[in-house]
Amino acid sequence: MYSVEQVADRLGLHVRTVRGYIRSGRLRAVRIGKQYRIAAGDLDTLTGQTPATTPTRGQAEVSSIVQVDGVDRAAADRLGTLVLTSANTGHDQANPLRVQTVYDEHRHRMKIIILGDPAATAELLHLLDAVLNADNGLLDREVHDA
């Protein structure tokens, strides 16, 4: 909880301006005695920042890097689309998987970086394993150097 003075100092505003924001409803605050207190989340809302979430007990996040060698650009694009589509559907939208793909043209290597919930990450890794070990034509593993 911040005081009006602390909020004014953090935002570079005059104390009266902050009090005006509170009175107009632009900034939520709780009155304790004769003073206002502003929660960090309410300050974040005012400034347009995403409030920092406090992890709950038992909450875990996994980070994984999958390296796929011997793929051409087209196969890497197809695999990237599959992974990103899977990560963006059917999961808890409050805690989405974050996925980034990187392709190294010279080494014919793709890296997939996954951050998120352990169960959702495991599900995505199982999908990757199935695709990479299947003979379904999604990945043409023959790479020809030019």
C-alpha atoms as a PDB file:
ATOM      1  CA  MET A   1       0.000   0.000   0.000  1.00  0.00           C
ATOM      2  CA  TYR A   2       1.299   3.429  -0.966  1.00  0.00           C
ATOM      3  CA  SER A   3       0.553   6.798   0.552  1.00  0.00           C
ATOM      4  CA  VAL A   4      -0.578   9.699  -1.625  1.00  0.00           C
ATOM      5  CA  GLU A   5       2.855  11.248  -1.191  1.00  0.00           C
ATOM      6  CA  GLN A   6       4.620   8.071  -2.339  1.00  0.00           C
ATOM      7  CA  VAL A   7       2.394   7.809  -5.422  1.00  0.00           C
ATOM      8  CA  ALA A   8       2.974  11.469  -6.251  1.00  0.00           C
ATOM      9  CA  ASP A   9       6.725  10.962  -5.934  1.00  0.00           C
ATOM     10  CA  ARG A  10       6.718   7.794  -8.071  1.00  0.00           C
ATOM     11  CA  LEU A  11       4.673   9.413 -10.827  1.00  0.00           C
ATOM     12  CA  GLY A  12       6.317  12.831 -10.679  1.00  0.00           C
ATOM     13  CA  LEU A  13       3.023  14.501  -9.855  1.00  0.00           C
ATOM     14  CA  HIS A  14       1.875  16.983  -7.229  1.00  0.00           C
ATOM     15  CA  VAL A  15       0.118  15.533  -4.176  1.00  0.00           C
ATOM     16  CA  ARG A  16      -3.002  17.552  -5.027  1.00  0.00           C
ATOM     17  CA  THR A  17      -3.122  15.956  -8.489  1.00  0.00           C
ATOM     18  CA  VAL A  18      -3.051  12.469  -6.971  1.00  0.00           C
ATOM     19  CA  ARG A  19      -5.815  13.404  -4.509  1.00  0.00           C
ATOM     20  CA  GLY A  20      -7.833  14.751  -7.441  1.00  0.00           C
ATOM     21  CA  TYR A  21      -7.407  11.401  -9.234  1.00  0.00           C
ATOM     22  CA  ILE A  22      -8.722   9.664  -6.123  1.00  0.00           C
ATOM     23  CA  ARG A  23     -11.724  11.982  -5.732  1.00  0.00           C
ATOM     24  CA  SER A  24     -12.646  11.655  -9.407  1.00  0.00           C
ATOM     25  CA  GLY A  25     -12.414   7.861  -9.272  1.00  0.00           C
ATOM     26  CA  ARG A  26      -9.531   7.697 -11.719  1.00  0.00           C
ATOM     27  CA  LEU A  27      -7.338   6.138  -8.999  1.00  0.00           C
ATOM     28  CA  ARG A  28      -8.785   3.687  -6.508  1.00  0.00           C
ATOM     29  CA  ALA A  29      -7.768   4.215  -2.898  1.00  0.00           C
ATOM     30  CA  VAL A  30      -8.811   3.211   0.598  1.00  0.00           C
ATOM     31  CA  ARG A  31      -9.288   5.831   3.264  1.00  0.00           C
ATOM     32  CA  ILE A  32      -7.636   4.907   6.543  1.00  0.00           C
ATOM     33  CA  GLY A  33      -8.312   7.579   9.142  1.00  0.00           C
ATOM     34  CA  LYS A  34      -7.560  10.872   7.442  1.00  0.00           C
ATOM     35  CA  GLN A  35      -5.204   9.433   4.839  1.00  0.00           C
ATOM     36  CA  TYR A  36      -5.606   7.517   1.605  1.00  0.00           C
ATOM     37  CA  ARG A  37      -3.720   4.310   0.788  1.00  0.00           C
ATOM     38  CA  ILE A  38      -3.289   3.049  -2.749  1.00  0.00           C
ATOM     39  CA  ALA A  39      -2.711  -0.621  -3.590  1.00  0.00           C
ATOM     40  CA  ALA A  40       0.110  -1.470  -6.001  1.00  0.00           C
ATOM     41  CA  GLY A  41      -2.379  -3.072  -8.412  1.00  0.00           C
ATOM     42  CA  ASP A  42      -4.488   0.094  -8.498  1.00  0.00           C
ATOM     43  CA  LEU A  43      -1.381   2.170  -9.214  1.00  0.00           C
ATOM     44  CA  ASP A  44      -0.470  -0.240 -12.019  1.00  0.00           C
ATOM     45  CA  THR A  45      -3.971   0.115 -13.455  1.00  0.00           C
ATOM     46  CA  LEU A  46      -3.663   3.897 -13.459  1.00  0.00           C
ATOM     47  CA  THR A  47      -0.309   3.797 -15.238  1.00  0.00           C
ATOM     48  CA  GLY A  48      -1.426   1.134 -17.704  1.00  0.00           C
ATOM     49  CA  GLN A  49       1.016  -1.480 -16.476  1.00  0.00           C
ATOM     50  CA  THR A  50       0.099  -5.095 -15.990  1.00  0.00           C
ATOM     51  CA  PRO A  51      -0.161  -5.716 -12.278  1.00  0.00           C
ATOM     52  CA  ALA A  52       2.485  -8.066 -10.989  1.00  0.00           C
ATOM     53  CA  THR A  53       0.896 -11.305  -9.920  1.00  0.00           C
ATOM     54  CA  THR A  54       2.047 -12.835  -6.710  1.00  0.00           C
ATOM     55  CA  PRO A  55       2.650 -16.538  -7.225  1.00  0.00           C
ATOM     56  CA  THR A  56       0.479 -18.712  -5.066  1.00  0.00           C
ATOM     57  CA  ARG A  57       2.013 -21.423  -2.990  1.00  0.00           C
ATOM     58  CA  GLY A  58       2.695 -24.535  -5.021  1.00  0.00           C
ATOM     59  CA  GLN A  59       2.613 -22.679  -8.347  1.00  0.00           C
ATOM     60  CA  ALA A  60       5.489 -23.700 -10.609  1.00  0.00           C
ATOM     61  CA  GLU A  61       6.765 -22.684 -14.019  1.00  0.00           C
ATOM     62  CA  VAL A  62       8.853 -24.790 -16.351  1.00  0.00           C
ATOM     63  CA  SER A  63      11.288 -23.559 -18.983  1.00  0.00           C
ATOM     64  CA  SER A  64      12.278 -25.912 -21.785  1.00  0.00           C
ATOM     65  CA  ILE A  65      14.414 -25.604 -24.880  1.00  0.00           C
ATOM     66  CA  VAL A  66      13.924 -28.156 -27.628  1.00  0.00           C
ATOM     67  CA  GLN A  67      16.548 -28.336 -30.368  1.00  0.00           C
ATOM     68  CA  VAL A  68      15.592 -29.947 -33.665  1.00  0.00           C
ATOM     69  CA  ASP A  69      18.460 -30.609 -36.055  1.00  0.00           C
ATOM     70  CA  GLY A  70      18.298 -31.336 -39.759  1.00  0.00           C
ATOM     71  CA  VAL A  71      15.216 -29.353 -40.709  1.00  0.00           C
ATOM     72  CA  ASP A  72      14.789 -27.007 -43.615  1.00  0.00           C
ATOM     73  CA  ARG A  73      13.024 -23.630 -43.450  1.00  0.00           C
ATOM     74  CA  ALA A  74       9.668 -24.973 -44.676  1.00  0.00           C
ATOM     75  CA  ALA A  75       9.637 -27.803 -42.123  1.00  0.00           C
ATOM     76  CA  ALA A  76      10.645 -25.389 -39.352  1.00  0.00           C
ATOM     77  CA  ASP A  77       7.790 -23.075 -40.338  1.00  0.00           C
ATOM     78  CA  ARG A  78       5.298 -25.947 -40.254  1.00  0.00           C
ATOM     79  CA  LEU A  79       6.575 -27.161 -36.891  1.00  0.00           C
ATOM     80  CA  GLY A  80       6.533 -23.624 -35.489  1.00  0.00           C
ATOM     81  CA  THR A  81       2.937 -23.138 -36.592  1.00  0.00           C
ATOM     82  CA  LEU A  82       1.915 -26.440 -35.004  1.00  0.00           C
ATOM     83  CA  VAL A  83       3.622 -25.616 -31.702  1.00  0.00           C
ATOM     84  CA  LEU A  84       2.259 -22.067 -31.493  1.00  0.00           C
ATOM     85  CA  THR A  85      -1.262 -23.205 -32.382  1.00  0.00           C
ATOM     86  CA  SER A  86      -1.149 -25.926 -29.753  1.00  0.00           C
ATOM     87  CA  ALA A  87       0.195 -23.509 -27.131  1.00  0.00           C
ATOM     88  CA  ASN A  88      -2.578 -20.998 -27.829  1.00  0.00           C
ATOM     89  CA  THR A  89      -5.528 -23.399 -27.720  1.00  0.00           C
ATOM     90  CA  GLY A  90      -7.035 -25.500 -24.990  1.00  0.00           C
ATOM     91  CA  HIS A  91      -4.955 -24.216 -22.091  1.00  0.00           C
ATOM     92  CA  ASP A  92      -5.641 -22.068 -19.049  1.00  0.00           C
ATOM     93  CA  GLN A  93      -5.867 -18.565 -20.516  1.00  0.00           C
ATOM     94  CA  ALA A  94      -4.957 -17.050 -17.133  1.00  0.00           C
ATOM     95  CA  ASN A  95      -1.551 -18.783 -17.339  1.00  0.00           C
ATOM     96  CA  PRO A  96      -0.799 -19.203 -21.043  1.00  0.00           C
ATOM     97  CA  LEU A  97       2.214 -21.013 -22.387  1.00  0.00           C
ATOM     98  CA  ARG A  98       4.812 -18.678 -23.827  1.00  0.00           C
ATOM     99  CA  VAL A  99       6.550 -20.103 -26.871  1.00  0.00           C
ATOM    100  CA  GLN A 100       9.240 -18.722 -29.129  1.00  0.00           C
ATOM    101  CA  THR A 101      10.841 -20.397 -32.114  1.00  0.00           C
ATOM    102  CA  VAL A 102      14.220 -19.647 -33.665  1.00  0.00           C
ATOM    103  CA  TYR A 103      15.571 -21.105 -36.905  1.00  0.00           C
ATOM    104  CA  ASP A 104      19.268 -21.154 -37.824  1.00  0.00           C
ATOM    105  CA  GLU A 105      19.435 -21.323 -41.630  1.00  0.00           C
ATOM    106  CA  HIS A 106      23.166 -22.175 -41.757  1.00  0.00           C
ATOM    107  CA  ARG A 107      22.987 -25.077 -39.299  1.00  0.00           C
ATOM    108  CA  HIS A 108      19.522 -26.278 -40.373  1.00  0.00           C
ATOM    109  CA  ARG A 109      18.574 -26.158 -36.712  1.00  0.00           C
ATOM    110  CA  MET A 110      15.435 -25.019 -34.952  1.00  0.00           C
ATOM    111  CA  LYS A 111      15.066 -24.176 -31.291  1.00  0.00           C
ATOM    112  CA  ILE A 112      11.729 -24.031 -29.522  1.00  0.00           C
ATOM    113  CA  ILE A 113      11.628 -22.222 -26.171  1.00  0.00           C
ATOM    114  CA  ILE A 114       8.654 -23.043 -23.941  1.00  0.00           C
ATOM    115  CA  LEU A 115       7.756 -21.341 -20.652  1.00  0.00           C
ATOM    116  CA  GLY A 116       4.720 -22.215 -18.607  1.00  0.00           C
ATOM    117  CA  ASP A 117       2.769 -24.518 -16.378  1.00  0.00           C
ATOM    118  CA  PRO A 118       4.407 -27.962 -15.941  1.00  0.00           C
ATOM    119  CA  ALA A 119       1.359 -29.933 -17.100  1.00  0.00           C
ATOM    120  CA  ALA A 120       0.733 -27.780 -20.183  1.00  0.00           C
ATOM    121  CA  THR A 121       4.443 -27.826 -21.031  1.00  0.00           C
ATOM    122  CA  ALA A 122       4.533 -31.625 -20.700  1.00  0.00           C
ATOM    123  CA  GLU A 123       1.511 -31.892 -23.006  1.00  0.00           C
ATOM    124  CA  LEU A 124       3.229 -29.737 -25.622  1.00  0.00           C
ATOM    125  CA  LEU A 125       6.468 -31.726 -25.297  1.00  0.00           C
ATOM    126  CA  HIS A 126       4.526 -34.977 -25.835  1.00  0.00           C
ATOM    127  CA  LEU A 127       3.013 -33.482 -28.986  1.00  0.00           C
ATOM    128  CA  LEU A 128       6.482 -32.485 -30.209  1.00  0.00           C
ATOM    129  CA  ASP A 129       7.811 -35.965 -29.478  1.00  0.00           C
ATOM    130  CA  ALA A 130       4.965 -37.566 -31.410  1.00  0.00           C
ATOM    131  CA  VAL A 131       5.452 -35.268 -34.404  1.00  0.00           C
ATOM    132  CA  LEU A 132       9.227 -35.591 -34.477  1.00  0.00           C
ATOM    133  CA  ASN A 133       9.144 -39.391 -34.209  1.00  0.00           C
ATOM    134  CA  ALA A 134       6.226 -39.991 -36.593  1.00  0.00           C
ATOM    135  CA  ASP A 135       6.501 -40.796 -40.239  1.00  0.00           C
ATOM    136  CA  ASN A 136       3.738 -38.381 -41.218  1.00  0.00           C
ATOM    137  CA  GLY A 137       5.580 -36.174 -43.687  1.00  0.00           C
ATOM    138  CA  LEU A 138       5.271 -33.035 -41.550  1.00  0.00           C
ATOM    139  CA  LEU A 139       9.023 -32.811 -41.292  1.00  0.00           C
ATOM    140  CA  ASP A 140      11.164 -33.648 -44.282  1.00  0.00           C
ATOM    141  CA  ARG A 141      14.403 -34.389 -42.472  1.00  0.00           C
ATOM    142  CA  GLU A 142      16.549 -34.479 -45.590  1.00  0.00           C
ATOM    143  CA  VAL A 143      18.403 -31.207 -45.825  1.00  0.00           C
ATOM    144  CA  HIS A 144      20.447 -30.363 -48.891  1.00  0.00           C
ATOM    145  CA  ASP A 145      23.236 -27.807 -48.631  1.00  0.00           C
ATOM    146  CA  ALA A 146      23.305 -25.332 -51.459  1.00  0.00           C
END
